[in-house]
């Protein structure tokens, strides 16, 4: 299985054979093995991805300019933080204790 890391520049090939230059948002998911890519916010199998030829130089950036790349990383951090807060809220809601009812005789 191919492993991709965050911000790798890759080529995604869809089921119709179309190729898209994109980049990895999050690396391989340990549980599912899927890779979260920027193209349409998809989670795809690594079999549909290949490392972009420009990535072999080690200096490839997924955006044309560093400022856009920095903004994207800030937004991603904000998204991750909100997802963690939502998970905590759901967990707290599920942990509510149910009152004990009296035994009827």
N, C-alpha and C. Protein backbone atom coordinates (compact mmCIF):
# COMPACT_ATOMS: atom_id res chain seq x y z
N UNK A 1 0.84 -1.18 0.00
CA UNK A 1 0.00 0.00 0.00
C UNK A 1 0.89 1.24 0.00
N UNK A 2 0.51 2.21 -0.82
CA UNK A 2 1.25 3.47 -0.87
C UNK A 2 0.86 4.32 0.33
N UNK A 3 1.83 4.99 0.90
CA UNK A 3 1.56 5.92 2.00
C UNK A 3 1.84 7.33 1.52
N UNK A 4 0.87 8.21 1.75
CA UNK A 4 1.03 9.61 1.39
C UNK A 4 0.97 10.43 2.66
N UNK A 5 1.76 11.48 2.70
CA UNK A 5 1.75 12.34 3.88
C UNK A 5 1.06 13.66 3.55
N UNK A 6 0.75 14.38 4.60
CA UNK A 6 0.07 15.66 4.46
C UNK A 6 0.84 16.59 3.53
N UNK A 7 0.11 17.27 2.65
CA UNK A 7 0.63 18.26 1.69
C UNK A 7 1.41 17.66 0.53
N UNK A 8 1.40 16.35 0.35
CA UNK A 8 2.01 15.77 -0.84
C UNK A 8 1.23 16.21 -2.07
N UNK A 9 1.93 16.56 -3.13
CA UNK A 9 1.29 16.91 -4.40
C UNK A 9 1.13 15.60 -5.17
N UNK A 10 -0.12 15.29 -5.55
CA UNK A 10 -0.41 14.00 -6.18
C UNK A 10 -1.26 14.18 -7.43
N UNK A 11 -1.37 13.12 -8.21
CA UNK A 11 -2.27 13.07 -9.36
C UNK A 11 -3.34 12.05 -9.01
N UNK A 12 -4.60 12.50 -9.02
CA UNK A 12 -5.74 11.65 -8.74
C UNK A 12 -6.37 11.21 -10.06
N UNK A 13 -6.60 9.91 -10.22
CA UNK A 13 -7.26 9.38 -11.41
C UNK A 13 -8.62 8.85 -10.99
N UNK A 14 -9.69 9.44 -11.54
CA UNK A 14 -11.03 8.99 -11.17
C UNK A 14 -11.41 7.73 -11.96
N UNK A 15 -12.61 7.23 -11.72
CA UNK A 15 -13.06 5.98 -12.35
C UNK A 15 -13.20 6.08 -13.86
N UNK A 16 -13.41 7.30 -14.37
CA UNK A 16 -13.52 7.50 -15.82
C UNK A 16 -12.16 7.65 -16.49
N UNK A 17 -11.10 7.69 -15.70
CA UNK A 17 -9.75 7.84 -16.26
C UNK A 17 -9.26 9.27 -16.34
N UNK A 18 -10.02 10.22 -15.81
CA UNK A 18 -9.59 11.62 -15.81
C UNK A 18 -8.52 11.83 -14.75
N UNK A 19 -7.53 12.66 -15.06
CA UNK A 19 -6.43 12.95 -14.14
C UNK A 19 -6.58 14.36 -13.57
N UNK A 20 -6.36 14.50 -12.25
CA UNK A 20 -6.46 15.80 -11.59
C UNK A 20 -5.23 16.01 -10.72
N UNK A 21 -4.59 17.17 -10.90
CA UNK A 21 -3.51 17.56 -9.99
C UNK A 21 -4.16 18.06 -8.71
N UNK A 22 -3.76 17.53 -7.59
CA UNK A 22 -4.32 17.93 -6.31
C UNK A 22 -3.29 17.69 -5.22
N UNK A 23 -3.70 17.80 -3.99
CA UNK A 23 -2.76 17.54 -2.90
C UNK A 23 -3.48 16.85 -1.75
N UNK A 24 -2.70 16.26 -0.87
CA UNK A 24 -3.22 15.50 0.26
C UNK A 24 -3.48 16.46 1.41
N UNK A 25 -4.71 16.43 1.95
CA UNK A 25 -5.05 17.25 3.11
C UNK A 25 -4.59 16.56 4.38
N UNK A 26 -4.98 15.30 4.52
CA UNK A 26 -4.54 14.48 5.65
C UNK A 26 -3.94 13.21 5.07
N UNK A 27 -2.91 12.69 5.71
CA UNK A 27 -2.26 11.47 5.23
C UNK A 27 -3.19 10.26 5.32
N UNK A 28 -2.61 9.09 5.10
CA UNK A 28 -3.40 7.85 5.14
C UNK A 28 -4.09 7.68 6.48
N UNK A 29 -5.39 7.37 6.44
CA UNK A 29 -6.15 7.09 7.64
C UNK A 29 -5.78 5.68 8.11
N UNK A 30 -5.40 5.56 9.35
CA UNK A 30 -4.95 4.28 9.89
C UNK A 30 -6.07 3.24 9.88
N UNK A 31 -7.29 3.67 10.21
CA UNK A 31 -8.41 2.73 10.30
C UNK A 31 -8.92 2.28 8.94
N UNK A 32 -9.11 3.22 8.01
CA UNK A 32 -9.72 2.87 6.72
C UNK A 32 -8.71 2.69 5.60
N UNK A 33 -7.53 3.29 5.73
CA UNK A 33 -6.53 3.23 4.68
C UNK A 33 -6.74 4.25 3.58
N UNK A 34 -7.80 5.05 3.69
CA UNK A 34 -8.11 6.05 2.67
C UNK A 34 -7.27 7.31 2.87
N UNK A 35 -7.11 8.06 1.79
CA UNK A 35 -6.35 9.31 1.81
C UNK A 35 -7.31 10.46 1.52
N UNK A 36 -7.28 11.50 2.36
CA UNK A 36 -8.15 12.67 2.20
C UNK A 36 -7.43 13.66 1.29
N UNK A 37 -8.02 13.90 0.09
CA UNK A 37 -7.40 14.81 -0.86
C UNK A 37 -8.25 16.07 -1.03
N UNK A 38 -7.65 17.09 -1.62
CA UNK A 38 -8.32 18.37 -1.80
C UNK A 38 -9.37 18.32 -2.91
N UNK A 39 -9.18 17.53 -3.94
CA UNK A 39 -10.11 17.49 -5.07
C UNK A 39 -11.49 17.04 -4.59
N UNK A 40 -12.44 17.95 -4.62
CA UNK A 40 -13.82 17.71 -4.18
C UNK A 40 -13.89 17.15 -2.76
N UNK A 41 -12.86 17.39 -1.96
CA UNK A 41 -12.83 16.97 -0.55
C UNK A 41 -13.08 15.45 -0.42
N UNK A 42 -12.46 14.68 -1.31
CA UNK A 42 -12.68 13.24 -1.36
C UNK A 42 -11.74 12.47 -0.44
N UNK A 43 -12.20 11.30 -0.03
CA UNK A 43 -11.35 10.32 0.64
C UNK A 43 -11.27 9.14 -0.32
N UNK A 44 -10.06 8.86 -0.82
CA UNK A 44 -9.89 7.85 -1.86
C UNK A 44 -8.85 6.82 -1.47
N UNK A 45 -8.90 5.71 -2.16
CA UNK A 45 -7.90 4.66 -1.97
C UNK A 45 -6.57 5.12 -2.57
N UNK A 46 -5.47 4.77 -1.94
CA UNK A 46 -4.15 5.15 -2.50
C UNK A 46 -3.92 4.59 -3.90
N UNK A 47 -4.67 3.58 -4.31
CA UNK A 47 -4.52 3.01 -5.65
C UNK A 47 -4.88 4.03 -6.73
N UNK A 48 -5.72 5.02 -6.41
CA UNK A 48 -6.12 6.04 -7.37
C UNK A 48 -5.16 7.23 -7.41
N UNK A 49 -4.12 7.19 -6.60
CA UNK A 49 -3.19 8.32 -6.50
C UNK A 49 -1.78 7.92 -6.92
N UNK A 50 -1.08 8.89 -7.47
CA UNK A 50 0.35 8.72 -7.70
C UNK A 50 1.03 10.05 -7.40
N UNK A 51 2.25 9.98 -6.93
CA UNK A 51 2.98 11.19 -6.59
C UNK A 51 3.26 11.99 -7.85
N UNK A 52 3.01 13.28 -7.77
CA UNK A 52 3.21 14.17 -8.92
C UNK A 52 4.71 14.25 -9.24
N UNK A 53 5.09 14.27 -10.52
CA UNK A 53 6.52 14.34 -10.88
C UNK A 53 7.24 15.53 -10.27
N UNK A 54 6.55 16.66 -10.08
CA UNK A 54 7.21 17.83 -9.49
C UNK A 54 7.50 17.62 -8.01
N UNK A 55 6.85 16.64 -7.38
CA UNK A 55 7.06 16.40 -5.95
C UNK A 55 8.39 15.72 -5.68
N UNK A 56 8.98 15.08 -6.68
CA UNK A 56 10.23 14.37 -6.47
C UNK A 56 11.40 15.32 -6.16
N UNK A 57 11.27 16.58 -6.56
CA UNK A 57 12.34 17.55 -6.27
C UNK A 57 12.35 17.93 -4.79
N UNK A 58 11.24 17.71 -4.11
CA UNK A 58 11.17 18.02 -2.69
C UNK A 58 10.76 19.45 -2.39
N UNK A 59 10.64 20.27 -3.42
CA UNK A 59 10.29 21.68 -3.22
C UNK A 59 8.90 22.03 -3.72
N UNK A 60 8.10 21.04 -4.03
CA UNK A 60 6.77 21.30 -4.58
C UNK A 60 5.82 21.78 -3.50
N UNK A 61 5.03 22.78 -3.84
CA UNK A 61 3.99 23.28 -2.94
C UNK A 61 2.65 23.05 -3.60
N UNK A 62 1.63 22.71 -2.80
CA UNK A 62 0.32 22.48 -3.39
C UNK A 62 -0.36 23.75 -3.89
N UNK A 63 0.15 24.91 -3.54
CA UNK A 63 -0.43 26.18 -3.99
C UNK A 63 0.62 26.97 -4.75
N UNK A 64 0.15 27.91 -5.56
CA UNK A 64 1.06 28.71 -6.38
C UNK A 64 1.90 29.67 -5.54
N UNK A 65 1.35 30.11 -4.40
CA UNK A 65 2.11 31.06 -3.60
C UNK A 65 2.07 30.66 -2.12
N UNK A 66 3.09 31.02 -1.36
CA UNK A 66 3.15 30.63 0.05
C UNK A 66 2.03 31.21 0.91
N UNK A 67 1.53 32.38 0.55
CA UNK A 67 0.47 33.01 1.35
C UNK A 67 -0.81 32.16 1.33
N UNK A 68 -1.21 31.69 0.15
CA UNK A 68 -2.39 30.84 0.03
C UNK A 68 -2.22 29.55 0.81
N UNK A 69 -1.02 29.00 0.75
CA UNK A 69 -0.72 27.77 1.48
C UNK A 69 -0.85 28.00 2.98
N UNK A 70 -0.37 29.14 3.47
CA UNK A 70 -0.45 29.47 4.88
C UNK A 70 -1.90 29.65 5.32
N UNK A 71 -2.70 30.33 4.49
CA UNK A 71 -4.12 30.51 4.80
C UNK A 71 -4.85 29.18 4.87
N UNK A 72 -4.55 28.29 3.93
CA UNK A 72 -5.18 26.98 3.93
C UNK A 72 -4.86 26.22 5.22
N UNK A 73 -3.61 26.26 5.65
CA UNK A 73 -3.22 25.56 6.88
C UNK A 73 -3.94 26.13 8.10
N UNK A 74 -4.13 27.44 8.14
CA UNK A 74 -4.87 28.06 9.25
C UNK A 74 -6.32 27.58 9.26
N UNK A 75 -6.94 27.54 8.08
CA UNK A 75 -8.32 27.07 7.99
C UNK A 75 -8.43 25.60 8.39
N UNK A 76 -7.45 24.80 8.01
CA UNK A 76 -7.46 23.39 8.36
C UNK A 76 -7.35 23.20 9.87
N UNK A 77 -6.49 23.99 10.52
CA UNK A 77 -6.36 23.92 11.98
C UNK A 77 -7.68 24.30 12.65
N UNK A 78 -8.34 25.33 12.13
CA UNK A 78 -9.62 25.76 12.68
C UNK A 78 -10.67 24.66 12.52
N UNK A 79 -10.69 24.01 11.34
CA UNK A 79 -11.62 22.92 11.09
C UNK A 79 -11.38 21.76 12.06
N UNK A 80 -10.12 21.40 12.26
CA UNK A 80 -9.79 20.30 13.18
C UNK A 80 -10.21 20.63 14.60
N UNK A 81 -10.01 21.88 15.01
CA UNK A 81 -10.38 22.30 16.36
C UNK A 81 -11.89 22.23 16.55
N UNK A 82 -12.65 22.68 15.56
CA UNK A 82 -14.12 22.62 15.66
C UNK A 82 -14.61 21.18 15.68
N UNK A 83 -13.96 20.31 14.93
CA UNK A 83 -14.35 18.90 14.91
C UNK A 83 -14.11 18.26 16.27
N UNK A 84 -13.00 18.61 16.92
CA UNK A 84 -12.70 18.09 18.26
C UNK A 84 -13.71 18.59 19.27
N UNK A 85 -14.08 19.88 19.19
CA UNK A 85 -15.07 20.45 20.11
C UNK A 85 -16.42 19.78 19.93
N UNK A 86 -16.80 19.51 18.69
CA UNK A 86 -18.08 18.86 18.42
C UNK A 86 -18.08 17.44 18.98
N UNK A 87 -16.97 16.74 18.86
CA UNK A 87 -16.86 15.39 19.39
C UNK A 87 -16.99 15.40 20.90
N UNK A 88 -16.35 16.36 21.55
CA UNK A 88 -16.44 16.47 23.01
C UNK A 88 -17.87 16.76 23.43
N UNK A 89 -18.57 17.63 22.72
CA UNK A 89 -19.95 17.97 23.06
C UNK A 89 -20.85 16.74 22.94
N UNK A 90 -20.67 15.97 21.90
CA UNK A 90 -21.48 14.77 21.71
C UNK A 90 -21.18 13.76 22.81
N UNK A 91 -19.92 13.62 23.17
CA UNK A 91 -19.54 12.68 24.22
C UNK A 91 -20.18 13.09 25.54
N UNK A 92 -20.15 14.38 25.86
CA UNK A 92 -20.75 14.83 27.11
C UNK A 92 -22.25 14.58 27.11
N UNK A 93 -22.89 14.77 25.99
CA UNK A 93 -24.34 14.56 25.89
C UNK A 93 -24.67 13.09 26.10
N UNK A 94 -23.87 12.20 25.57
CA UNK A 94 -24.13 10.77 25.69
C UNK A 94 -23.86 10.24 27.09
N UNK A 95 -23.10 10.97 27.89
CA UNK A 95 -22.74 10.49 29.21
C UNK A 95 -23.71 10.95 30.30
N UNK A 96 -24.86 11.50 29.92
CA UNK A 96 -25.83 11.92 30.92
C UNK A 96 -26.35 10.69 31.66
N UNK A 97 -26.47 10.82 32.97
CA UNK A 97 -26.96 9.70 33.77
C UNK A 97 -28.48 9.72 33.80
N UNK A 98 -29.06 8.55 33.64
CA UNK A 98 -30.51 8.42 33.67
C UNK A 98 -30.92 8.21 35.12
N UNK A 99 -32.01 8.88 35.55
CA UNK A 99 -32.43 8.69 36.93
C UNK A 99 -32.97 7.28 37.15
N UNK A 100 -32.74 6.77 38.33
CA UNK A 100 -33.26 5.43 38.69
C UNK A 100 -34.74 5.56 39.01
N UNK A 101 -35.54 4.69 38.47
CA UNK A 101 -36.96 4.67 38.74
C UNK A 101 -37.23 3.75 39.91
N UNK A 102 -38.24 4.07 40.69
CA UNK A 102 -38.58 3.23 41.84
C UNK A 102 -39.17 1.91 41.36
N UNK A 103 -38.91 0.88 42.10
CA UNK A 103 -39.46 -0.43 41.77
C UNK A 103 -40.95 -0.45 42.12
N UNK A 104 -41.75 -0.80 41.17
CA UNK A 104 -43.20 -0.89 41.43
C UNK A 104 -43.50 -2.25 42.03
N UNK A 105 -44.44 -2.28 42.97
CA UNK A 105 -44.78 -3.56 43.58
C UNK A 105 -46.19 -3.96 43.28
